[in-house]
N, C-alpha and C. Protein backbone atom coordinates (compact mmCIF):
# COMPACT_ATOMS: atom_id res chain seq x y z
N MET A 1 0.85 -1.18 0.00
CA MET A 1 0.00 0.00 0.00
C MET A 1 0.89 1.24 0.00
N THR A 2 0.60 2.18 -0.89
CA THR A 2 1.40 3.39 -0.96
C THR A 2 0.94 4.38 0.10
N GLU A 3 1.76 5.39 0.30
CA GLU A 3 1.44 6.45 1.25
C GLU A 3 0.10 7.11 0.92
N PHE A 4 -0.18 7.30 -0.37
CA PHE A 4 -1.41 7.97 -0.78
C PHE A 4 -2.63 7.07 -0.67
N GLU A 5 -2.43 5.77 -0.91
CA GLU A 5 -3.55 4.83 -0.80
C GLU A 5 -4.05 4.73 0.64
N ARG A 6 -3.18 4.99 1.61
CA ARG A 6 -3.62 4.99 3.01
C ARG A 6 -4.63 6.09 3.27
N PHE A 7 -4.58 7.15 2.47
CA PHE A 7 -5.54 8.24 2.59
C PHE A 7 -6.84 7.94 1.85
N GLY A 8 -6.89 6.79 1.19
CA GLY A 8 -8.08 6.44 0.41
C GLY A 8 -8.00 6.90 -1.03
N ALA A 9 -6.80 7.31 -1.46
CA ALA A 9 -6.64 7.78 -2.84
C ALA A 9 -6.85 6.63 -3.82
N ILE A 10 -7.46 6.94 -4.93
CA ILE A 10 -7.72 5.96 -5.98
C ILE A 10 -6.99 6.41 -7.24
N ALA A 11 -6.24 5.50 -7.84
CA ALA A 11 -5.49 5.83 -9.06
C ALA A 11 -6.45 6.06 -10.22
N ASP A 12 -6.17 7.08 -11.00
CA ASP A 12 -6.95 7.33 -12.22
C ASP A 12 -6.68 6.23 -13.22
N GLY A 13 -7.72 5.82 -13.92
CA GLY A 13 -7.56 4.91 -15.05
C GLY A 13 -7.47 5.72 -16.32
N PRO A 14 -7.06 5.10 -17.42
CA PRO A 14 -6.97 5.85 -18.68
C PRO A 14 -8.35 6.28 -19.16
N THR A 15 -8.42 7.47 -19.74
CA THR A 15 -9.68 7.96 -20.32
C THR A 15 -9.57 8.11 -21.83
N VAL A 16 -8.34 8.36 -22.32
CA VAL A 16 -8.11 8.47 -23.77
C VAL A 16 -6.83 7.72 -24.11
N ASP A 17 -6.70 7.35 -25.38
CA ASP A 17 -5.45 6.73 -25.82
C ASP A 17 -4.47 7.83 -26.24
N SER A 18 -3.30 7.45 -26.72
CA SER A 18 -2.26 8.43 -27.04
C SER A 18 -2.66 9.39 -28.16
N SER A 19 -3.66 9.02 -28.96
CA SER A 19 -4.12 9.93 -30.02
C SER A 19 -5.29 10.80 -29.57
N GLY A 20 -5.72 10.66 -28.30
CA GLY A 20 -6.79 11.49 -27.79
C GLY A 20 -8.18 10.90 -27.94
N VAL A 21 -8.28 9.66 -28.42
CA VAL A 21 -9.58 9.00 -28.60
C VAL A 21 -9.98 8.33 -27.30
N SER A 22 -11.25 8.51 -26.91
CA SER A 22 -11.75 7.92 -25.67
C SER A 22 -11.57 6.41 -25.67
N VAL A 23 -11.14 5.87 -24.53
CA VAL A 23 -10.99 4.43 -24.41
C VAL A 23 -12.31 3.77 -24.01
N ARG A 24 -13.28 4.57 -23.63
CA ARG A 24 -14.60 4.04 -23.32
C ARG A 24 -15.33 3.83 -24.63
N GLY A 25 -16.05 2.75 -24.71
CA GLY A 25 -16.83 2.51 -25.92
C GLY A 25 -17.97 3.49 -26.04
N GLY A 26 -18.33 3.81 -27.25
CA GLY A 26 -19.44 4.70 -27.49
C GLY A 26 -20.70 3.93 -27.82
N ILE A 27 -21.82 4.61 -27.74
CA ILE A 27 -23.12 4.02 -28.08
C ILE A 27 -23.25 3.95 -29.59
N ASP A 28 -23.76 2.82 -30.07
CA ASP A 28 -23.95 2.61 -31.51
C ASP A 28 -24.80 3.72 -32.12
N GLY A 29 -24.27 4.37 -33.15
CA GLY A 29 -25.00 5.42 -33.86
C GLY A 29 -24.75 6.82 -33.35
N VAL A 30 -24.16 6.97 -32.16
CA VAL A 30 -23.84 8.30 -31.64
C VAL A 30 -22.59 8.80 -32.36
N LEU A 31 -22.66 10.02 -32.87
CA LEU A 31 -21.52 10.63 -33.55
C LEU A 31 -21.15 11.92 -32.85
N THR A 32 -19.86 12.20 -32.74
CA THR A 32 -19.39 13.47 -32.19
C THR A 32 -18.42 14.09 -33.18
N ARG A 33 -18.41 15.40 -33.20
CA ARG A 33 -17.52 16.12 -34.11
C ARG A 33 -16.95 17.36 -33.42
N SER A 34 -15.67 17.57 -33.65
CA SER A 34 -15.05 18.84 -33.31
C SER A 34 -15.04 19.66 -34.59
N VAL A 35 -15.25 20.93 -34.47
CA VAL A 35 -15.24 21.78 -35.66
C VAL A 35 -14.11 22.80 -35.53
N VAL A 36 -13.61 23.23 -36.65
CA VAL A 36 -12.52 24.19 -36.66
C VAL A 36 -13.10 25.59 -36.47
N SER A 37 -12.57 26.31 -35.48
CA SER A 37 -12.92 27.72 -35.29
C SER A 37 -11.82 28.57 -35.90
N HIS A 38 -12.22 29.52 -36.69
CA HIS A 38 -11.27 30.48 -37.27
C HIS A 38 -11.40 31.76 -36.45
N VAL A 39 -10.31 32.11 -35.77
CA VAL A 39 -10.34 33.23 -34.84
C VAL A 39 -9.36 34.30 -35.32
N ASP A 40 -9.81 35.54 -35.28
CA ASP A 40 -8.91 36.67 -35.52
C ASP A 40 -9.33 37.82 -34.62
N HIS A 41 -8.76 39.00 -34.85
CA HIS A 41 -9.01 40.14 -33.98
C HIS A 41 -10.47 40.60 -34.00
N ARG A 42 -11.23 40.17 -35.00
CA ARG A 42 -12.64 40.59 -35.11
C ARG A 42 -13.60 39.64 -34.41
N GLY A 43 -13.15 38.41 -34.16
CA GLY A 43 -14.03 37.41 -33.54
C GLY A 43 -13.72 36.03 -34.07
N ARG A 44 -14.74 35.20 -34.21
CA ARG A 44 -14.53 33.81 -34.65
C ARG A 44 -15.65 33.38 -35.57
N VAL A 45 -15.35 32.36 -36.37
CA VAL A 45 -16.35 31.76 -37.25
C VAL A 45 -16.11 30.25 -37.25
N PHE A 46 -17.21 29.49 -37.26
CA PHE A 46 -17.13 28.04 -37.41
C PHE A 46 -18.40 27.57 -38.11
N GLU A 47 -18.27 26.48 -38.86
CA GLU A 47 -19.39 25.96 -39.63
C GLU A 47 -20.30 25.11 -38.75
N LEU A 48 -21.61 25.26 -38.94
CA LEU A 48 -22.56 24.36 -38.31
C LEU A 48 -22.88 23.19 -39.23
N ILE A 49 -23.04 23.47 -40.50
CA ILE A 49 -23.42 22.43 -41.47
C ILE A 49 -22.46 22.48 -42.65
N ASN A 50 -21.92 21.30 -42.99
CA ASN A 50 -21.17 21.14 -44.23
C ASN A 50 -21.44 19.71 -44.70
N ILE A 51 -22.49 19.56 -45.47
CA ILE A 51 -22.96 18.24 -45.89
C ILE A 51 -21.91 17.52 -46.72
N GLU A 52 -21.21 18.23 -47.58
CA GLU A 52 -20.19 17.60 -48.42
C GLU A 52 -19.01 17.10 -47.59
N ARG A 53 -18.63 17.84 -46.57
CA ARG A 53 -17.47 17.46 -45.75
C ARG A 53 -17.82 16.32 -44.78
N ASP A 54 -19.06 16.26 -44.33
CA ASP A 54 -19.43 15.25 -43.33
C ASP A 54 -20.79 14.64 -43.65
N PRO A 55 -20.88 13.84 -44.72
CA PRO A 55 -22.17 13.27 -45.11
C PRO A 55 -22.72 12.27 -44.09
N GLU A 56 -21.88 11.67 -43.26
CA GLU A 56 -22.39 10.73 -42.26
C GLU A 56 -23.21 11.46 -41.19
N PHE A 57 -22.71 12.59 -40.70
CA PHE A 57 -23.41 13.36 -39.68
C PHE A 57 -24.69 13.97 -40.25
N TRP A 58 -24.62 14.42 -41.49
CA TRP A 58 -25.75 15.10 -42.13
C TRP A 58 -26.46 14.17 -43.12
N ASN A 59 -26.51 12.88 -42.82
CA ASN A 59 -27.13 11.89 -43.69
C ASN A 59 -28.60 12.20 -43.95
N ASP A 60 -29.34 12.56 -42.91
CA ASP A 60 -30.74 12.96 -43.08
C ASP A 60 -30.77 14.43 -43.49
N PRO A 61 -31.74 14.81 -44.32
CA PRO A 61 -31.79 16.21 -44.76
C PRO A 61 -32.07 17.17 -43.60
N VAL A 62 -31.59 18.38 -43.75
CA VAL A 62 -31.88 19.43 -42.77
C VAL A 62 -33.25 20.00 -43.12
N ILE A 63 -34.22 19.75 -42.24
CA ILE A 63 -35.60 20.19 -42.52
C ILE A 63 -36.17 21.06 -41.42
N ALA A 64 -35.46 21.15 -40.31
CA ALA A 64 -35.92 21.98 -39.19
C ALA A 64 -34.72 22.35 -38.35
N SER A 65 -34.86 23.44 -37.61
CA SER A 65 -33.79 23.89 -36.74
C SER A 65 -34.40 24.74 -35.64
N TYR A 66 -33.84 24.62 -34.46
CA TYR A 66 -34.25 25.50 -33.37
C TYR A 66 -33.09 25.68 -32.40
N VAL A 67 -33.14 26.76 -31.66
CA VAL A 67 -32.14 27.09 -30.65
C VAL A 67 -32.74 26.78 -29.28
N PHE A 68 -31.92 26.21 -28.40
CA PHE A 68 -32.35 26.07 -27.01
C PHE A 68 -31.18 26.42 -26.10
N THR A 69 -31.52 26.81 -24.89
CA THR A 69 -30.50 27.17 -23.91
C THR A 69 -30.70 26.35 -22.65
N ILE A 70 -29.62 26.28 -21.88
CA ILE A 70 -29.66 25.64 -20.57
C ILE A 70 -29.02 26.64 -19.61
N ARG A 71 -29.77 27.04 -18.61
CA ARG A 71 -29.26 28.02 -17.67
C ARG A 71 -28.17 27.42 -16.78
N GLU A 72 -27.35 28.31 -16.25
CA GLU A 72 -26.23 27.91 -15.39
C GLU A 72 -26.70 26.98 -14.27
N GLY A 73 -26.00 25.86 -14.09
CA GLY A 73 -26.30 24.93 -13.01
C GLY A 73 -27.60 24.16 -13.19
N THR A 74 -28.13 24.12 -14.41
CA THR A 74 -29.43 23.50 -14.67
C THR A 74 -29.28 22.25 -15.51
N ILE A 75 -30.25 21.34 -15.36
CA ILE A 75 -30.28 20.09 -16.11
C ILE A 75 -31.48 20.10 -17.05
N LYS A 76 -31.29 19.59 -18.26
CA LYS A 76 -32.40 19.29 -19.18
C LYS A 76 -32.36 17.80 -19.45
N GLY A 77 -33.44 17.14 -19.18
CA GLY A 77 -33.53 15.70 -19.45
C GLY A 77 -34.18 15.01 -18.28
N TRP A 78 -34.30 13.78 -18.37
CA TRP A 78 -34.10 12.83 -19.45
C TRP A 78 -35.16 12.99 -20.54
N GLY A 79 -34.74 12.84 -21.79
CA GLY A 79 -35.66 12.85 -22.92
C GLY A 79 -35.22 11.83 -23.95
N VAL A 80 -36.19 11.33 -24.72
CA VAL A 80 -35.89 10.37 -25.78
C VAL A 80 -36.90 10.57 -26.90
N HIS A 81 -36.48 10.30 -28.11
CA HIS A 81 -37.36 10.33 -29.28
C HIS A 81 -37.48 8.91 -29.82
N GLU A 82 -38.67 8.55 -30.24
CA GLU A 82 -38.88 7.21 -30.82
C GLU A 82 -38.53 7.16 -32.30
N HIS A 83 -38.67 8.31 -33.00
CA HIS A 83 -38.54 8.28 -34.45
C HIS A 83 -37.50 9.22 -35.03
N LYS A 84 -37.07 10.20 -34.29
CA LYS A 84 -36.15 11.18 -34.88
C LYS A 84 -34.84 11.26 -34.12
N ASP A 85 -33.80 11.65 -34.85
CA ASP A 85 -32.48 11.89 -34.29
C ASP A 85 -32.36 13.36 -33.93
N ASP A 86 -31.54 13.66 -32.94
CA ASP A 86 -31.16 15.04 -32.63
C ASP A 86 -29.74 15.25 -33.12
N ARG A 87 -29.48 16.45 -33.65
CA ARG A 87 -28.12 16.84 -34.06
C ARG A 87 -27.81 18.16 -33.37
N TYR A 88 -27.16 18.06 -32.21
CA TYR A 88 -26.83 19.24 -31.41
C TYR A 88 -25.58 19.91 -31.96
N ASN A 89 -25.61 21.23 -31.93
CA ASN A 89 -24.46 22.06 -32.29
C ASN A 89 -24.29 23.11 -31.21
N LEU A 90 -23.19 23.05 -30.47
CA LEU A 90 -22.94 23.99 -29.39
C LEU A 90 -22.54 25.35 -29.96
N ILE A 91 -23.19 26.39 -29.50
CA ILE A 91 -22.84 27.76 -29.89
C ILE A 91 -21.94 28.39 -28.82
N CYS A 92 -22.38 28.36 -27.57
CA CYS A 92 -21.56 28.90 -26.48
C CYS A 92 -21.92 28.19 -25.18
N GLY A 93 -20.98 28.22 -24.25
CA GLY A 93 -21.16 27.54 -22.98
C GLY A 93 -20.51 26.18 -23.00
N GLU A 94 -20.92 25.34 -22.05
CA GLU A 94 -20.35 23.99 -21.96
C GLU A 94 -21.36 23.08 -21.26
N THR A 95 -21.55 21.89 -21.82
CA THR A 95 -22.46 20.93 -21.21
C THR A 95 -21.80 19.56 -21.09
N MET A 96 -22.26 18.80 -20.13
CA MET A 96 -21.99 17.37 -20.07
C MET A 96 -23.30 16.72 -20.48
N THR A 97 -23.28 16.04 -21.61
CA THR A 97 -24.47 15.34 -22.09
C THR A 97 -24.27 13.86 -21.83
N VAL A 98 -25.23 13.27 -21.12
CA VAL A 98 -25.16 11.86 -20.76
C VAL A 98 -26.20 11.12 -21.60
N LEU A 99 -25.77 10.01 -22.19
CA LEU A 99 -26.62 9.22 -23.08
C LEU A 99 -26.79 7.82 -22.51
N TYR A 100 -28.00 7.26 -22.69
CA TYR A 100 -28.28 5.90 -22.25
C TYR A 100 -29.02 5.18 -23.37
N ASP A 101 -28.45 4.08 -23.83
CA ASP A 101 -29.01 3.33 -24.96
C ASP A 101 -30.11 2.39 -24.47
N ALA A 102 -31.35 2.71 -24.82
CA ALA A 102 -32.52 1.91 -24.40
C ALA A 102 -33.08 1.08 -25.55
N ARG A 103 -32.33 0.97 -26.64
CA ARG A 103 -32.81 0.22 -27.81
C ARG A 103 -32.48 -1.27 -27.62
N PHE A 104 -33.53 -2.09 -27.48
CA PHE A 104 -33.36 -3.52 -27.22
C PHE A 104 -32.50 -4.21 -28.27
N ASP A 105 -32.61 -3.79 -29.52
CA ASP A 105 -31.89 -4.46 -30.61
C ASP A 105 -30.51 -3.86 -30.88
N SER A 106 -30.07 -2.94 -30.04
CA SER A 106 -28.78 -2.27 -30.24
C SER A 106 -27.63 -3.11 -29.67
N PRO A 107 -26.48 -3.15 -30.36
CA PRO A 107 -25.32 -3.85 -29.79
C PRO A 107 -24.77 -3.17 -28.53
N THR A 108 -25.20 -1.93 -28.28
CA THR A 108 -24.75 -1.22 -27.08
C THR A 108 -25.91 -0.99 -26.11
N TYR A 109 -26.91 -1.86 -26.15
CA TYR A 109 -28.08 -1.77 -25.26
C TYR A 109 -27.63 -1.63 -23.80
N GLN A 110 -28.21 -0.67 -23.11
CA GLN A 110 -27.97 -0.34 -21.70
C GLN A 110 -26.59 0.27 -21.43
N GLN A 111 -25.90 0.70 -22.47
CA GLN A 111 -24.61 1.36 -22.29
C GLN A 111 -24.83 2.84 -22.03
N VAL A 112 -23.95 3.42 -21.23
CA VAL A 112 -23.96 4.85 -20.93
C VAL A 112 -22.77 5.49 -21.62
N GLN A 113 -22.97 6.68 -22.17
CA GLN A 113 -21.88 7.43 -22.78
C GLN A 113 -21.96 8.88 -22.31
N GLU A 114 -20.83 9.45 -21.98
CA GLU A 114 -20.74 10.85 -21.58
C GLU A 114 -20.09 11.63 -22.71
N VAL A 115 -20.66 12.77 -23.05
CA VAL A 115 -20.08 13.62 -24.09
C VAL A 115 -20.01 15.05 -23.54
N SER A 116 -18.79 15.56 -23.43
CA SER A 116 -18.60 16.94 -23.00
C SER A 116 -18.59 17.82 -24.24
N LEU A 117 -19.54 18.74 -24.31
CA LEU A 117 -19.60 19.70 -25.42
C LEU A 117 -18.99 21.01 -24.95
N SER A 118 -17.98 21.50 -25.68
CA SER A 118 -17.32 22.74 -25.30
C SER A 118 -16.74 23.41 -26.54
N PRO A 119 -16.52 24.72 -26.48
CA PRO A 119 -15.93 25.42 -27.63
C PRO A 119 -14.53 24.91 -27.98
N GLN A 120 -13.81 24.34 -27.00
CA GLN A 120 -12.45 23.87 -27.24
C GLN A 120 -12.40 22.43 -27.74
N GLY A 121 -13.51 21.72 -27.69
CA GLY A 121 -13.50 20.30 -28.05
C GLY A 121 -14.65 19.93 -28.97
N ILE A 122 -15.45 19.00 -28.51
CA ILE A 122 -16.59 18.53 -29.31
C ILE A 122 -17.68 19.59 -29.30
N ARG A 123 -18.13 19.98 -30.48
CA ARG A 123 -19.23 20.94 -30.62
C ARG A 123 -20.49 20.32 -31.19
N GLN A 124 -20.35 19.17 -31.86
CA GLN A 124 -21.50 18.56 -32.52
C GLN A 124 -21.74 17.15 -31.99
N LEU A 125 -23.02 16.81 -31.80
CA LEU A 125 -23.40 15.52 -31.24
C LEU A 125 -24.66 15.04 -31.94
N LEU A 126 -24.59 13.84 -32.53
CA LEU A 126 -25.76 13.21 -33.13
C LEU A 126 -26.26 12.15 -32.16
N ILE A 127 -27.53 12.30 -31.73
CA ILE A 127 -28.15 11.37 -30.79
C ILE A 127 -29.23 10.61 -31.55
N PRO A 128 -29.05 9.29 -31.74
CA PRO A 128 -30.04 8.52 -32.49
C PRO A 128 -31.36 8.36 -31.73
N ALA A 129 -32.43 8.13 -32.48
CA ALA A 129 -33.72 7.80 -31.87
C ALA A 129 -33.54 6.59 -30.95
N GLY A 130 -34.22 6.61 -29.81
CA GLY A 130 -34.15 5.50 -28.87
C GLY A 130 -33.07 5.63 -27.83
N VAL A 131 -32.26 6.68 -27.90
CA VAL A 131 -31.20 6.91 -26.91
C VAL A 131 -31.64 8.05 -25.99
N TRP A 132 -31.79 7.73 -24.71
CA TRP A 132 -32.15 8.75 -23.72
C TRP A 132 -30.99 9.74 -23.60
N HIS A 133 -31.31 11.01 -23.39
CA HIS A 133 -30.26 12.00 -23.23
C HIS A 133 -30.65 13.04 -22.18
N LEU A 134 -29.61 13.53 -21.52
CA LEU A 134 -29.74 14.52 -20.46
C LEU A 134 -28.52 15.43 -20.56
N SER A 135 -28.73 16.73 -20.42
CA SER A 135 -27.61 17.68 -20.49
C SER A 135 -27.55 18.51 -19.22
N VAL A 136 -26.34 18.65 -18.69
CA VAL A 136 -26.08 19.47 -17.51
C VAL A 136 -25.21 20.64 -17.96
N ASN A 137 -25.66 21.86 -17.68
CA ASN A 137 -24.83 23.02 -17.98
C ASN A 137 -23.74 23.10 -16.92
N VAL A 138 -22.49 22.97 -17.32
CA VAL A 138 -21.37 23.05 -16.39
C VAL A 138 -20.58 24.35 -16.57
N ALA A 139 -21.13 25.28 -17.35
CA ALA A 139 -20.49 26.57 -17.58
C ALA A 139 -21.00 27.59 -16.56
N PRO A 140 -20.24 28.67 -16.34
CA PRO A 140 -20.70 29.71 -15.41
C PRO A 140 -21.69 30.68 -16.04
N GLU A 141 -22.19 30.34 -17.24
CA GLU A 141 -23.18 31.18 -17.90
C GLU A 141 -24.17 30.28 -18.64
N GLU A 142 -25.18 30.88 -19.21
CA GLU A 142 -26.17 30.13 -19.99
C GLU A 142 -25.49 29.51 -21.21
N THR A 143 -25.83 28.26 -21.48
CA THR A 143 -25.29 27.55 -22.64
C THR A 143 -26.32 27.57 -23.76
N MET A 144 -25.87 27.75 -25.00
CA MET A 144 -26.77 27.82 -26.15
C MET A 144 -26.39 26.77 -27.18
N LEU A 145 -27.40 26.04 -27.66
CA LEU A 145 -27.21 25.03 -28.69
C LEU A 145 -28.23 25.21 -29.79
N VAL A 146 -27.86 24.78 -30.99
CA VAL A 146 -28.79 24.71 -32.12
C VAL A 146 -29.00 23.23 -32.40
N ASN A 147 -30.26 22.83 -32.58
CA ASN A 147 -30.56 21.44 -32.93
C ASN A 147 -31.11 21.40 -34.34
N PHE A 148 -30.65 20.42 -35.10
CA PHE A 148 -31.17 20.14 -36.44
C PHE A 148 -31.76 18.73 -36.41
N PRO A 149 -32.99 18.56 -35.84
CA PRO A 149 -33.56 17.22 -35.75
C PRO A 149 -33.82 16.64 -37.13
N SER A 150 -33.85 15.30 -37.19
CA SER A 150 -34.03 14.64 -38.49
C SER A 150 -35.48 14.67 -38.98
N GLN A 151 -36.40 15.09 -38.12
CA GLN A 151 -37.80 15.26 -38.50
C GLN A 151 -38.33 16.54 -37.89
N PRO A 152 -39.29 17.19 -38.54
CA PRO A 152 -39.85 18.41 -37.94
C PRO A 152 -40.69 18.07 -36.72
N TYR A 153 -40.91 19.07 -35.91
CA TYR A 153 -41.73 18.91 -34.71
C TYR A 153 -43.18 18.65 -35.11
N ASN A 154 -43.80 17.66 -34.49
CA ASN A 154 -45.21 17.35 -34.74
C ASN A 154 -46.02 17.95 -33.60
N TYR A 155 -46.70 19.04 -33.86
CA TYR A 155 -47.43 19.75 -32.81
C TYR A 155 -48.60 18.94 -32.26
N ASP A 156 -49.20 18.08 -33.07
CA ASP A 156 -50.33 17.27 -32.63
C ASP A 156 -49.91 16.04 -31.83
N ALA A 157 -48.75 15.50 -32.13
CA ALA A 157 -48.25 14.30 -31.44
C ALA A 157 -46.74 14.37 -31.34
N PRO A 158 -46.22 15.15 -30.38
CA PRO A 158 -44.76 15.31 -30.27
C PRO A 158 -44.06 13.97 -30.05
N ASP A 159 -42.94 13.79 -30.74
CA ASP A 159 -42.12 12.59 -30.60
C ASP A 159 -41.10 12.83 -29.49
N ARG A 160 -41.58 12.86 -28.26
CA ARG A 160 -40.69 13.09 -27.12
C ARG A 160 -41.30 12.46 -25.88
N LEU A 161 -40.51 11.65 -25.23
CA LEU A 161 -40.88 11.07 -23.94
C LEU A 161 -39.87 11.57 -22.92
N THR A 162 -40.31 11.77 -21.68
CA THR A 162 -39.42 12.31 -20.66
C THR A 162 -39.48 11.49 -19.37
N LEU A 163 -38.43 11.61 -18.61
CA LEU A 163 -38.34 11.10 -17.25
C LEU A 163 -37.67 12.18 -16.41
N PRO A 164 -37.94 12.23 -15.10
CA PRO A 164 -37.20 13.18 -14.27
C PRO A 164 -35.73 12.79 -14.21
N TRP A 165 -34.86 13.78 -14.00
CA TRP A 165 -33.42 13.52 -14.02
C TRP A 165 -33.01 12.52 -12.95
N TYR A 166 -33.77 12.40 -11.89
CA TYR A 166 -33.43 11.51 -10.79
C TYR A 166 -34.08 10.13 -10.92
N SER A 167 -34.62 9.81 -12.07
CA SER A 167 -35.33 8.55 -12.28
C SER A 167 -34.44 7.33 -12.01
N ASP A 168 -35.00 6.34 -11.33
CA ASP A 168 -34.29 5.08 -11.10
C ASP A 168 -34.35 4.17 -12.32
N ASN A 169 -35.12 4.54 -13.35
CA ASN A 169 -35.24 3.71 -14.55
C ASN A 169 -33.99 3.76 -15.43
N ILE A 170 -33.16 4.76 -15.22
CA ILE A 170 -31.91 4.88 -15.97
C ILE A 170 -30.77 4.80 -14.95
N PRO A 171 -29.88 3.82 -15.09
CA PRO A 171 -28.86 3.57 -14.07
C PRO A 171 -27.68 4.54 -14.12
N VAL A 172 -27.97 5.81 -13.88
CA VAL A 172 -26.94 6.85 -13.91
C VAL A 172 -27.11 7.72 -12.67
N ASP A 173 -26.02 7.98 -11.96
CA ASP A 173 -26.02 8.90 -10.84
C ASP A 173 -25.81 10.31 -11.39
N VAL A 174 -26.90 10.97 -11.71
CA VAL A 174 -26.83 12.28 -12.37
C VAL A 174 -26.16 13.32 -11.47
N GLU A 175 -26.29 13.19 -10.17
CA GLU A 175 -25.71 14.19 -9.27
C GLU A 175 -24.21 14.34 -9.43
N LYS A 176 -23.53 13.29 -9.90
CA LYS A 176 -22.08 13.41 -10.06
C LYS A 176 -21.70 14.39 -11.17
N TYR A 177 -22.66 14.76 -12.01
CA TYR A 177 -22.39 15.71 -13.09
C TYR A 177 -22.66 17.16 -12.69
N PHE A 178 -23.27 17.37 -11.53
CA PHE A 178 -23.51 18.74 -11.09
C PHE A 178 -22.17 19.42 -10.90
N PRO A 179 -22.07 20.69 -11.25
CA PRO A 179 -20.82 21.40 -10.98
C PRO A 179 -20.46 21.31 -9.50
N ARG A 180 -19.21 20.98 -9.23
CA ARG A 180 -18.75 20.73 -7.86
C ARG A 180 -19.04 21.90 -6.92
N GLN A 181 -18.86 23.11 -7.40
CA GLN A 181 -19.02 24.26 -6.53
C GLN A 181 -20.46 24.43 -6.07
N GLN A 182 -21.40 23.70 -6.69
CA GLN A 182 -22.80 23.82 -6.28
C GLN A 182 -23.22 22.71 -5.33
N ARG A 183 -22.35 21.75 -5.07
CA ARG A 183 -22.68 20.68 -4.13
C ARG A 183 -22.58 21.20 -2.71
N ARG A 184 -23.39 20.65 -1.86
CA ARG A 184 -23.36 21.02 -0.45
C ARG A 184 -22.88 19.81 0.35
N PHE A 185 -21.80 19.99 1.08
CA PHE A 185 -21.26 18.90 1.88
C PHE A 185 -21.47 19.23 3.36
N PRO A 186 -21.69 18.20 4.18
CA PRO A 186 -21.83 18.46 5.62
C PRO A 186 -20.52 19.00 6.18
N THR A 187 -20.63 19.88 7.13
CA THR A 187 -19.43 20.42 7.77
C THR A 187 -19.18 19.66 9.06
N SER A 188 -17.92 19.58 9.44
CA SER A 188 -17.59 18.91 10.70
C SER A 188 -17.55 19.93 11.82
N ASP A 189 -17.79 19.45 13.01
CA ASP A 189 -17.80 20.36 14.18
C ASP A 189 -16.42 20.73 14.61
């Protein structure tokens, strides 16, 4: 036992390989993309859609788009679609998006995947139909995303099912994703 292990320290395991690719398996059909930001003294520019450059991500036609935000320290989810995919594009802020594969016929059935969306890393996330998703804003400001769902919103019969973030039906401890500075720990006397 090392000096640090006596304190209850736990050694970190690998999270990425030497090329920066996550060593954790991903959920079947989930795609992530980093996009190039061009920055100069006037500001920055980055592409949201480039069908020719990334036909896999933009396989379904772009037929609808909407912007949504997540306020600081807030959670959106759990939500799932039965028929449509979500294609998130981060504009500003940072989120931890947690995915749970509930598709019985999927090779990754019951697998959990974490995707950190940030301006410095992954900005685009494709969430297939049948995958539950929840997003936690971990930025000190409101986070903004644009979604390009694979089907338009059906006002008469929305394709969206929800569960509360604390649901026992999804085996994820969501509280571990809350920003640390917002947790309340008991104080000792």
